[in-house]
């Protein structure tokens, strides 16, 4: 069954981070309302002088922004571009899809944020060298990366001796 939402009739909740520059207003979780299995979508409103989420990209999610009203500056690996009402921006999976918005104007910028959900996702933050395992929100510094076999050198100790054949 089709579900219709009008962005002007929705209520919005302020999401304020501990860092004052990161704040936005968001609609209710529209995908949950309709029971979407593979899409997450919300309407966001970015106040003047505020940034969207930290600069990031996804390893298992595509994303689209549709600018509904206002303007904002978009940061991508290619540089900075001003977005305005009616613009549609697609962000592919991986580092080339990195993005962040900043509202450089005196009016709010309202946009539809659509993301695919294909199970687990890893979100990377190039500016702060973090990774975020979603949807669990497990966040780690990328400097903590280790070799695949680190700590595996005593594998035999985890098995009963009668099973392990000695050469």
Protein backbone atom coordinates (compact mmCIF):
# COMPACT_ATOMS: atom_id res chain seq x y z
CA UNK A 1 0.00 0.00 0.00
CA UNK A 2 1.33 3.45 -0.87
CA UNK A 3 2.19 5.73 2.04
CA UNK A 4 2.26 9.47 1.48
CA UNK A 5 4.24 11.90 3.62
CA UNK A 6 4.25 15.67 3.30
CA UNK A 7 7.46 17.18 4.67
CA UNK A 8 5.63 20.34 5.78
CA UNK A 9 3.21 18.32 7.94
CA UNK A 10 5.81 16.22 9.77
CA UNK A 11 7.13 16.99 13.24
CA UNK A 12 10.88 17.33 13.63
CA UNK A 13 13.14 16.49 16.55
CA UNK A 14 16.42 18.29 17.25
CA UNK A 15 19.45 16.00 17.27
CA UNK A 16 22.26 17.84 19.03
CA UNK A 17 25.67 16.22 19.27
CA UNK A 18 28.17 16.99 22.06
CA UNK A 19 29.96 19.14 19.46
CA UNK A 20 27.75 22.21 18.83
CA UNK A 21 28.59 22.42 15.11
CA UNK A 22 26.85 19.08 14.48
CA UNK A 23 23.10 19.53 14.91
CA UNK A 24 20.09 18.85 12.73
CA UNK A 25 16.37 18.32 12.96
CA UNK A 26 15.00 15.00 11.79
CA UNK A 27 11.60 13.59 10.95
CA UNK A 28 10.27 10.42 12.56
CA UNK A 29 11.91 7.28 11.12
CA UNK A 30 9.71 7.08 8.05
CA UNK A 31 11.09 3.71 6.94
CA UNK A 32 10.02 2.17 10.23
CA UNK A 33 6.54 3.65 9.88
CA UNK A 34 6.05 1.92 6.52
CA UNK A 35 7.99 -1.24 7.40
CA UNK A 36 10.66 -0.78 4.72
CA UNK A 37 13.08 -3.70 4.43
CA UNK A 38 15.83 -2.23 2.23
CA UNK A 39 15.50 1.56 2.44
CA UNK A 40 16.03 3.98 5.28
CA UNK A 41 14.67 7.47 4.68
CA UNK A 42 14.22 10.58 6.74
CA UNK A 43 13.75 14.26 6.15
CA UNK A 44 16.44 16.37 7.74
CA UNK A 45 16.63 20.08 8.35
CA UNK A 46 20.06 21.63 8.70
CA UNK A 47 20.12 24.97 10.50
CA UNK A 48 22.38 27.84 9.41
CA UNK A 49 26.00 27.40 10.47
CA UNK A 50 25.59 23.67 11.19
CA UNK A 51 27.16 20.56 9.69
CA UNK A 52 25.43 17.28 8.95
CA UNK A 53 27.16 14.15 10.17
CA UNK A 54 30.97 14.09 10.16
CA UNK A 55 32.55 13.58 6.72
CA UNK A 56 32.02 9.88 5.97
CA UNK A 57 31.40 7.12 3.47
CA UNK A 58 29.70 3.74 3.65
CA UNK A 59 31.07 0.34 2.65
CA UNK A 60 27.67 -1.31 2.26
CA UNK A 61 25.10 1.43 1.68
CA UNK A 62 24.27 3.81 -1.12
CA UNK A 63 22.76 7.17 -0.24
CA UNK A 64 20.79 9.91 -1.98
CA UNK A 65 20.06 13.48 -0.87
CA UNK A 66 17.14 15.39 -2.41
CA UNK A 67 17.25 19.07 -1.50
CA UNK A 68 13.67 20.10 -0.73
CA UNK A 69 14.31 23.71 0.29
CA UNK A 70 17.22 26.01 1.02
CA UNK A 71 20.88 25.66 0.13
CA UNK A 72 23.92 23.90 1.57
CA UNK A 73 27.52 23.29 0.65
CA UNK A 74 28.41 19.69 -0.14
CA UNK A 75 31.89 18.36 0.57
CA UNK A 76 33.04 15.30 -1.43
CA UNK A 77 36.45 13.95 -2.46
CA UNK A 78 36.11 16.19 -5.56
CA UNK A 79 35.80 19.39 -3.51
CA UNK A 80 32.91 21.67 -2.54
CA UNK A 81 29.65 22.25 -4.42
CA UNK A 82 26.66 24.39 -3.54
CA UNK A 83 23.37 22.48 -3.53
CA UNK A 84 20.00 24.13 -3.93
CA UNK A 85 16.32 23.23 -4.02
CA UNK A 86 15.64 20.45 -6.51
CA UNK A 87 19.18 19.02 -6.53
CA UNK A 88 19.51 15.24 -6.23
CA UNK A 89 22.88 13.81 -5.19
CA UNK A 90 23.85 10.12 -5.30
CA UNK A 91 26.67 8.77 -3.10
CA UNK A 92 28.14 5.44 -4.15
CA UNK A 93 29.65 2.85 -1.84
CA UNK A 94 33.28 3.43 -0.88
CA UNK A 95 35.69 6.35 -0.48
CA UNK A 96 34.53 8.09 -3.68
CA UNK A 97 31.09 8.41 -2.06
CA UNK A 98 32.35 10.36 0.98
CA UNK A 99 30.19 13.35 1.85
CA UNK A 100 29.20 16.03 4.35
CA UNK A 101 26.85 19.02 4.26
CA UNK A 102 27.32 22.48 5.77
CA UNK A 103 24.59 25.09 5.79
CA UNK A 104 26.43 28.28 4.83
CA UNK A 105 23.23 30.34 4.53
CA UNK A 106 20.87 32.13 6.92
CA UNK A 107 17.91 29.83 6.13
CA UNK A 108 17.40 26.15 7.06
CA UNK A 109 18.16 23.57 4.38
CA UNK A 110 15.65 20.72 4.29
CA UNK A 111 16.54 17.51 2.49
CA UNK A 112 15.35 13.94 2.02
CA UNK A 113 18.05 11.44 3.03
CA UNK A 114 17.59 7.97 1.47
CA UNK A 115 19.94 5.05 2.25
CA UNK A 116 19.98 1.39 1.35
CA UNK A 117 20.01 -1.18 4.13
CA UNK A 118 21.68 -4.44 3.19
CA UNK A 119 22.47 -5.83 6.65
CA UNK A 120 25.66 -4.70 8.35
CA UNK A 121 27.44 -1.58 7.16
CA UNK A 122 30.80 -0.06 7.98
CA UNK A 123 30.94 3.71 7.92
CA UNK A 124 34.38 5.35 7.70
CA UNK A 125 35.29 8.86 8.84
CA UNK A 126 38.44 10.00 6.98
CA UNK A 127 38.90 13.22 9.03
CA UNK A 128 39.04 11.43 12.38
CA UNK A 129 40.28 7.99 11.26
CA UNK A 130 37.36 6.08 12.74
CA UNK A 131 35.14 3.24 11.60
CA UNK A 132 31.58 2.67 12.78
CA UNK A 133 29.99 -0.77 12.53
CA UNK A 134 26.29 -0.18 11.84
CA UNK A 135 23.63 -0.64 13.04
CA UNK A 136 25.37 -1.55 16.33
CA UNK A 137 27.24 1.80 16.55
CA UNK A 138 30.54 0.15 17.46
CA UNK A 139 33.18 2.82 16.80
CA UNK A 140 36.92 2.17 16.57
CA UNK A 141 40.03 4.11 15.58
CA UNK A 142 41.51 2.83 12.31
CA UNK A 143 45.02 2.94 13.84
CA UNK A 144 43.91 -0.10 15.86
CA UNK A 145 43.82 -2.22 12.69
CA UNK A 146 45.84 -5.41 13.07
CA UNK A 147 47.03 -8.28 10.89
CA UNK A 148 44.36 -10.91 10.18
CA UNK A 149 46.37 -13.65 11.95
CA UNK A 150 47.43 -11.60 15.00
CA UNK A 151 46.79 -13.64 18.15
CA UNK A 152 46.01 -16.83 16.23
CA UNK A 153 49.42 -18.47 16.68
CA UNK A 154 48.20 -20.69 19.57
CA UNK A 155 45.18 -22.11 17.76
CA UNK A 156 46.00 -25.66 18.94
CA UNK A 157 45.40 -24.60 22.56
CA UNK A 158 41.71 -24.13 21.80
CA UNK A 159 41.25 -27.75 20.67
CA UNK A 160 41.32 -30.96 22.70
CA UNK A 161 44.75 -32.63 22.38
CA UNK A 162 43.20 -35.95 21.31
CA UNK A 163 41.78 -34.31 18.19
CA UNK A 164 44.95 -32.49 17.16
CA UNK A 165 47.32 -34.70 15.17
CA UNK A 166 50.97 -34.06 15.77
CA UNK A 167 53.19 -34.17 12.69
